Amino acid sequence: MFLARLNSAEGDIGESLTLPAIAACLIGGTSLFGGVGTIAGTFIGALILTLVLNGMNLLQINGNWQPLVTGVIVVLAVLVDQLTRRRAELRA
């Protein structure tokens, strides 16, 4: 889509979209450690992330803080996944 809009191509054109894409998948329940995710979960994760970032815009928080907030959300999602995996291993 960027190529069609800009009429040019660059090697790093989608680099800024990598963190939000990974964050949406993690929030939706996909594990970084070999988990299986669903399309619905990823959609819900993207919706939650969009609501958080849009809320930051509405509160007039500087846009430079958005990658930091996204990173914190990713760390929290990985932490929750790890805790869930450990509890499942202890029960088995």
N, C-alpha and C. Protein backbone atom coordinates (compact mmCIF):
# COMPACT_ATOMS: atom_id res chain seq x y z
N MET A 1 0.82 -1.18 0.00
CA MET A 1 0.00 0.00 0.00
C MET A 1 0.87 1.26 0.00
N PHE A 2 1.99 1.18 0.72
CA PHE A 2 2.90 2.33 0.71
C PHE A 2 3.45 2.57 -0.69
N LEU A 3 3.76 1.50 -1.38
CA LEU A 3 4.31 1.62 -2.72
C LEU A 3 3.33 2.33 -3.64
N ALA A 4 2.06 1.99 -3.54
CA ALA A 4 1.05 2.63 -4.38
C ALA A 4 0.86 4.10 -4.02
N ARG A 5 0.96 4.42 -2.75
CA ARG A 5 0.77 5.80 -2.33
C ARG A 5 1.95 6.69 -2.68
N LEU A 6 3.15 6.17 -2.47
CA LEU A 6 4.35 6.99 -2.65
C LEU A 6 4.94 6.93 -4.05
N ASN A 7 4.56 5.93 -4.81
CA ASN A 7 5.10 5.72 -6.15
C ASN A 7 6.61 5.51 -6.15
N SER A 8 7.12 4.98 -5.05
CA SER A 8 8.54 4.66 -4.96
C SER A 8 8.70 3.56 -3.92
N ALA A 9 9.84 2.90 -3.99
CA ALA A 9 10.10 1.80 -3.05
C ALA A 9 11.40 2.06 -2.29
N GLU A 10 11.40 1.68 -1.03
CA GLU A 10 12.59 1.77 -0.20
C GLU A 10 12.71 0.48 0.59
N GLY A 11 13.91 0.15 1.01
CA GLY A 11 14.13 -1.10 1.72
C GLY A 11 13.53 -1.15 3.11
N ASP A 12 13.40 -0.02 3.76
CA ASP A 12 12.89 0.02 5.13
C ASP A 12 11.54 0.72 5.23
N ILE A 13 10.73 0.59 4.21
CA ILE A 13 9.50 1.36 4.14
C ILE A 13 8.46 0.96 5.19
N GLY A 14 8.44 -0.28 5.64
CA GLY A 14 7.46 -0.71 6.62
C GLY A 14 8.03 -0.96 7.99
N GLU A 15 9.23 -0.47 8.24
CA GLU A 15 9.92 -0.73 9.50
C GLU A 15 9.15 -0.20 10.70
N SER A 16 8.47 0.90 10.56
CA SER A 16 7.75 1.47 11.70
C SER A 16 6.50 0.68 12.06
N LEU A 17 6.09 -0.24 11.20
CA LEU A 17 4.89 -1.04 11.46
C LEU A 17 5.21 -2.38 12.11
N THR A 18 6.47 -2.70 12.30
CA THR A 18 6.85 -4.00 12.83
C THR A 18 6.43 -4.16 14.29
N LEU A 19 6.76 -3.20 15.13
CA LEU A 19 6.42 -3.30 16.55
C LEU A 19 4.92 -3.36 16.78
N PRO A 20 4.11 -2.50 16.16
CA PRO A 20 2.66 -2.62 16.37
C PRO A 20 2.08 -3.96 15.88
N ALA A 21 2.63 -4.50 14.80
CA ALA A 21 2.13 -5.78 14.30
C ALA A 21 2.44 -6.91 15.27
N ILE A 22 3.65 -6.92 15.82
CA ILE A 22 4.01 -7.95 16.80
C ILE A 22 3.20 -7.76 18.07
N ALA A 23 3.01 -6.53 18.49
CA ALA A 23 2.24 -6.25 19.70
C ALA A 23 0.80 -6.72 19.55
N ALA A 24 0.20 -6.48 18.40
CA ALA A 24 -1.19 -6.91 18.18
C ALA A 24 -1.31 -8.42 18.26
N CYS A 25 -0.36 -9.14 17.71
CA CYS A 25 -0.38 -10.61 17.78
C CYS A 25 -0.22 -11.10 19.21
N LEU A 26 0.69 -10.49 19.96
CA LEU A 26 0.93 -10.91 21.34
C LEU A 26 -0.26 -10.59 22.24
N ILE A 27 -0.85 -9.42 22.07
CA ILE A 27 -2.02 -9.07 22.86
C ILE A 27 -3.17 -10.02 22.55
N GLY A 28 -3.24 -10.46 21.29
CA GLY A 28 -4.30 -11.37 20.87
C GLY A 28 -4.13 -12.80 21.33
N GLY A 29 -3.00 -13.12 21.96
CA GLY A 29 -2.83 -14.45 22.53
C GLY A 29 -1.81 -15.33 21.86
N THR A 30 -1.16 -14.86 20.82
CA THR A 30 -0.12 -15.66 20.17
C THR A 30 1.15 -15.59 21.00
N SER A 31 1.80 -16.73 21.21
CA SER A 31 3.01 -16.78 22.02
C SER A 31 4.25 -16.61 21.16
N LEU A 32 5.24 -15.93 21.71
CA LEU A 32 6.52 -15.81 21.01
C LEU A 32 7.31 -17.12 21.07
N PHE A 33 6.90 -18.00 21.95
CA PHE A 33 7.66 -19.22 22.20
C PHE A 33 7.00 -20.44 21.58
N GLY A 34 6.48 -20.32 20.38
CA GLY A 34 5.94 -21.47 19.66
C GLY A 34 4.45 -21.66 19.85
N GLY A 35 3.74 -20.61 20.15
CA GLY A 35 2.30 -20.73 20.35
C GLY A 35 1.54 -20.66 19.04
N VAL A 36 0.28 -20.97 19.13
CA VAL A 36 -0.61 -20.91 17.98
C VAL A 36 -1.63 -19.83 18.26
N GLY A 37 -1.80 -18.93 17.33
CA GLY A 37 -2.75 -17.84 17.50
C GLY A 37 -3.91 -17.98 16.55
N THR A 38 -4.90 -17.14 16.76
CA THR A 38 -6.07 -17.14 15.90
C THR A 38 -6.20 -15.77 15.23
N ILE A 39 -6.92 -15.74 14.15
CA ILE A 39 -7.16 -14.48 13.46
C ILE A 39 -8.01 -13.57 14.33
N ALA A 40 -9.00 -14.14 14.99
CA ALA A 40 -9.88 -13.35 15.85
C ALA A 40 -9.08 -12.74 17.01
N GLY A 41 -8.17 -13.51 17.61
CA GLY A 41 -7.35 -12.99 18.70
C GLY A 41 -6.45 -11.87 18.24
N THR A 42 -5.85 -12.02 17.07
CA THR A 42 -5.00 -10.97 16.53
C THR A 42 -5.81 -9.72 16.22
N PHE A 43 -7.02 -9.90 15.72
CA PHE A 43 -7.89 -8.76 15.44
C PHE A 43 -8.24 -8.02 16.74
N ILE A 44 -8.55 -8.77 17.78
CA ILE A 44 -8.86 -8.15 19.07
C ILE A 44 -7.63 -7.45 19.63
N GLY A 45 -6.45 -8.06 19.48
CA GLY A 45 -5.22 -7.42 19.92
C GLY A 45 -4.96 -6.12 19.18
N ALA A 46 -5.18 -6.12 17.88
CA ALA A 46 -5.00 -4.90 17.09
C ALA A 46 -6.00 -3.83 17.51
N LEU A 47 -7.21 -4.25 17.82
CA LEU A 47 -8.24 -3.30 18.26
C LEU A 47 -7.86 -2.68 19.61
N ILE A 48 -7.39 -3.49 20.54
CA ILE A 48 -6.97 -2.98 21.84
C ILE A 48 -5.81 -2.01 21.70
N LEU A 49 -4.81 -2.39 20.90
CA LEU A 49 -3.65 -1.52 20.70
C LEU A 49 -4.06 -0.20 20.05
N THR A 50 -4.95 -0.27 19.08
CA THR A 50 -5.43 0.94 18.41
C THR A 50 -6.18 1.84 19.38
N LEU A 51 -6.99 1.24 20.25
CA LEU A 51 -7.72 2.04 21.24
C LEU A 51 -6.78 2.72 22.21
N VAL A 52 -5.73 2.03 22.64
CA VAL A 52 -4.76 2.63 23.56
C VAL A 52 -4.04 3.79 22.89
N LEU A 53 -3.56 3.58 21.68
CA LEU A 53 -2.81 4.64 20.99
C LEU A 53 -3.72 5.81 20.61
N ASN A 54 -4.96 5.51 20.22
CA ASN A 54 -5.90 6.58 19.90
C ASN A 54 -6.25 7.36 21.17
N GLY A 55 -6.38 6.67 22.29
CA GLY A 55 -6.63 7.35 23.55
C GLY A 55 -5.49 8.28 23.92
N MET A 56 -4.27 7.85 23.64
CA MET A 56 -3.12 8.72 23.89
C MET A 56 -3.20 9.98 23.02
N ASN A 57 -3.62 9.80 21.77
CA ASN A 57 -3.76 10.96 20.89
C ASN A 57 -4.85 11.91 21.40
N LEU A 58 -5.97 11.34 21.85
CA LEU A 58 -7.07 12.17 22.35
C LEU A 58 -6.69 12.90 23.62
N LEU A 59 -5.83 12.30 24.43
CA LEU A 59 -5.35 12.95 25.64
C LEU A 59 -4.19 13.90 25.37
N GLN A 60 -3.84 14.05 24.10
CA GLN A 60 -2.79 14.94 23.63
C GLN A 60 -1.43 14.60 24.24
N ILE A 61 -1.17 13.31 24.37
CA ILE A 61 0.14 12.85 24.82
C ILE A 61 1.06 12.84 23.61
N ASN A 62 2.27 13.29 23.79
CA ASN A 62 3.23 13.39 22.70
C ASN A 62 3.37 12.04 21.98
N GLY A 63 3.38 12.06 20.67
CA GLY A 63 3.47 10.84 19.86
C GLY A 63 4.76 10.07 20.03
N ASN A 64 5.79 10.72 20.57
CA ASN A 64 7.05 10.03 20.81
C ASN A 64 6.94 8.98 21.90
N TRP A 65 5.91 9.05 22.73
CA TRP A 65 5.70 8.09 23.81
C TRP A 65 5.00 6.81 23.32
N GLN A 66 4.40 6.84 22.14
CA GLN A 66 3.63 5.69 21.66
C GLN A 66 4.47 4.43 21.49
N PRO A 67 5.67 4.48 20.91
CA PRO A 67 6.47 3.25 20.83
C PRO A 67 6.84 2.71 22.21
N LEU A 68 7.07 3.59 23.17
CA LEU A 68 7.38 3.13 24.52
C LEU A 68 6.19 2.40 25.13
N VAL A 69 5.01 2.96 24.99
CA VAL A 69 3.80 2.32 25.51
C VAL A 69 3.57 0.99 24.81
N THR A 70 3.78 0.95 23.50
CA THR A 70 3.63 -0.30 22.76
C THR A 70 4.63 -1.34 23.26
N GLY A 71 5.86 -0.93 23.52
CA GLY A 71 6.87 -1.85 24.04
C GLY A 71 6.50 -2.38 25.41
N VAL A 72 5.97 -1.51 26.27
CA VAL A 72 5.54 -1.96 27.60
C VAL A 72 4.40 -2.97 27.48
N ILE A 73 3.49 -2.74 26.55
CA ILE A 73 2.40 -3.68 26.33
C ILE A 73 2.95 -5.03 25.85
N VAL A 74 3.95 -5.01 24.98
CA VAL A 74 4.57 -6.25 24.50
C VAL A 74 5.22 -6.99 25.67
N VAL A 75 5.96 -6.28 26.51
CA VAL A 75 6.62 -6.92 27.66
C VAL A 75 5.58 -7.52 28.60
N LEU A 76 4.50 -6.80 28.85
CA LEU A 76 3.44 -7.33 29.71
C LEU A 76 2.78 -8.56 29.10
N ALA A 77 2.57 -8.55 27.79
CA ALA A 77 1.95 -9.71 27.13
C ALA A 77 2.86 -10.94 27.22
N VAL A 78 4.16 -10.76 27.05
CA VAL A 78 5.11 -11.86 27.17
C VAL A 78 5.16 -12.36 28.60
N LEU A 79 5.12 -11.45 29.56
CA LEU A 79 5.13 -11.84 30.97
C LEU A 79 3.89 -12.67 31.32
N VAL A 80 2.74 -12.23 30.87
CA VAL A 80 1.51 -12.99 31.12
C VAL A 80 1.58 -14.35 30.46
N ASP A 81 2.12 -14.42 29.25
CA ASP A 81 2.26 -15.70 28.56
C ASP A 81 3.19 -16.64 29.32
N GLN A 82 4.29 -16.12 29.83
CA GLN A 82 5.23 -16.94 30.59
C GLN A 82 4.59 -17.47 31.87
N LEU A 83 3.88 -16.60 32.58
CA LEU A 83 3.21 -17.03 33.80
C LEU A 83 2.15 -18.10 33.52
N THR A 84 1.42 -17.93 32.44
CA THR A 84 0.41 -18.91 32.06
C THR A 84 1.05 -20.26 31.71
N ARG A 85 2.16 -20.22 31.00
CA ARG A 85 2.86 -21.46 30.63
C ARG A 85 3.40 -22.18 31.87
N ARG A 86 3.94 -21.43 32.81
CA ARG A 86 4.49 -22.05 34.02
C ARG A 86 3.40 -22.69 34.85
N ARG A 87 2.27 -22.03 34.96
CA ARG A 87 1.15 -22.62 35.71
C ARG A 87 0.65 -23.88 35.03
N ALA A 88 0.60 -23.88 33.70
CA ALA A 88 0.16 -25.07 32.97
C ALA A 88 1.13 -26.21 33.15
N GLU A 89 2.44 -25.92 33.19
CA GLU A 89 3.45 -26.96 33.40
C GLU A 89 3.36 -27.54 34.81
N LEU A 90 3.05 -26.71 35.79
CA LEU A 90 2.96 -27.18 37.16
C LEU A 90 1.73 -28.09 37.35
N ARG A 91 0.67 -27.81 36.64
CA ARG A 91 -0.55 -28.63 36.74
C ARG A 91 -0.40 -29.96 36.02
N ALA A 92 0.47 -30.00 35.02
CA ALA A 92 0.59 -31.23 34.23
C ALA A 92 1.46 -32.27 34.90
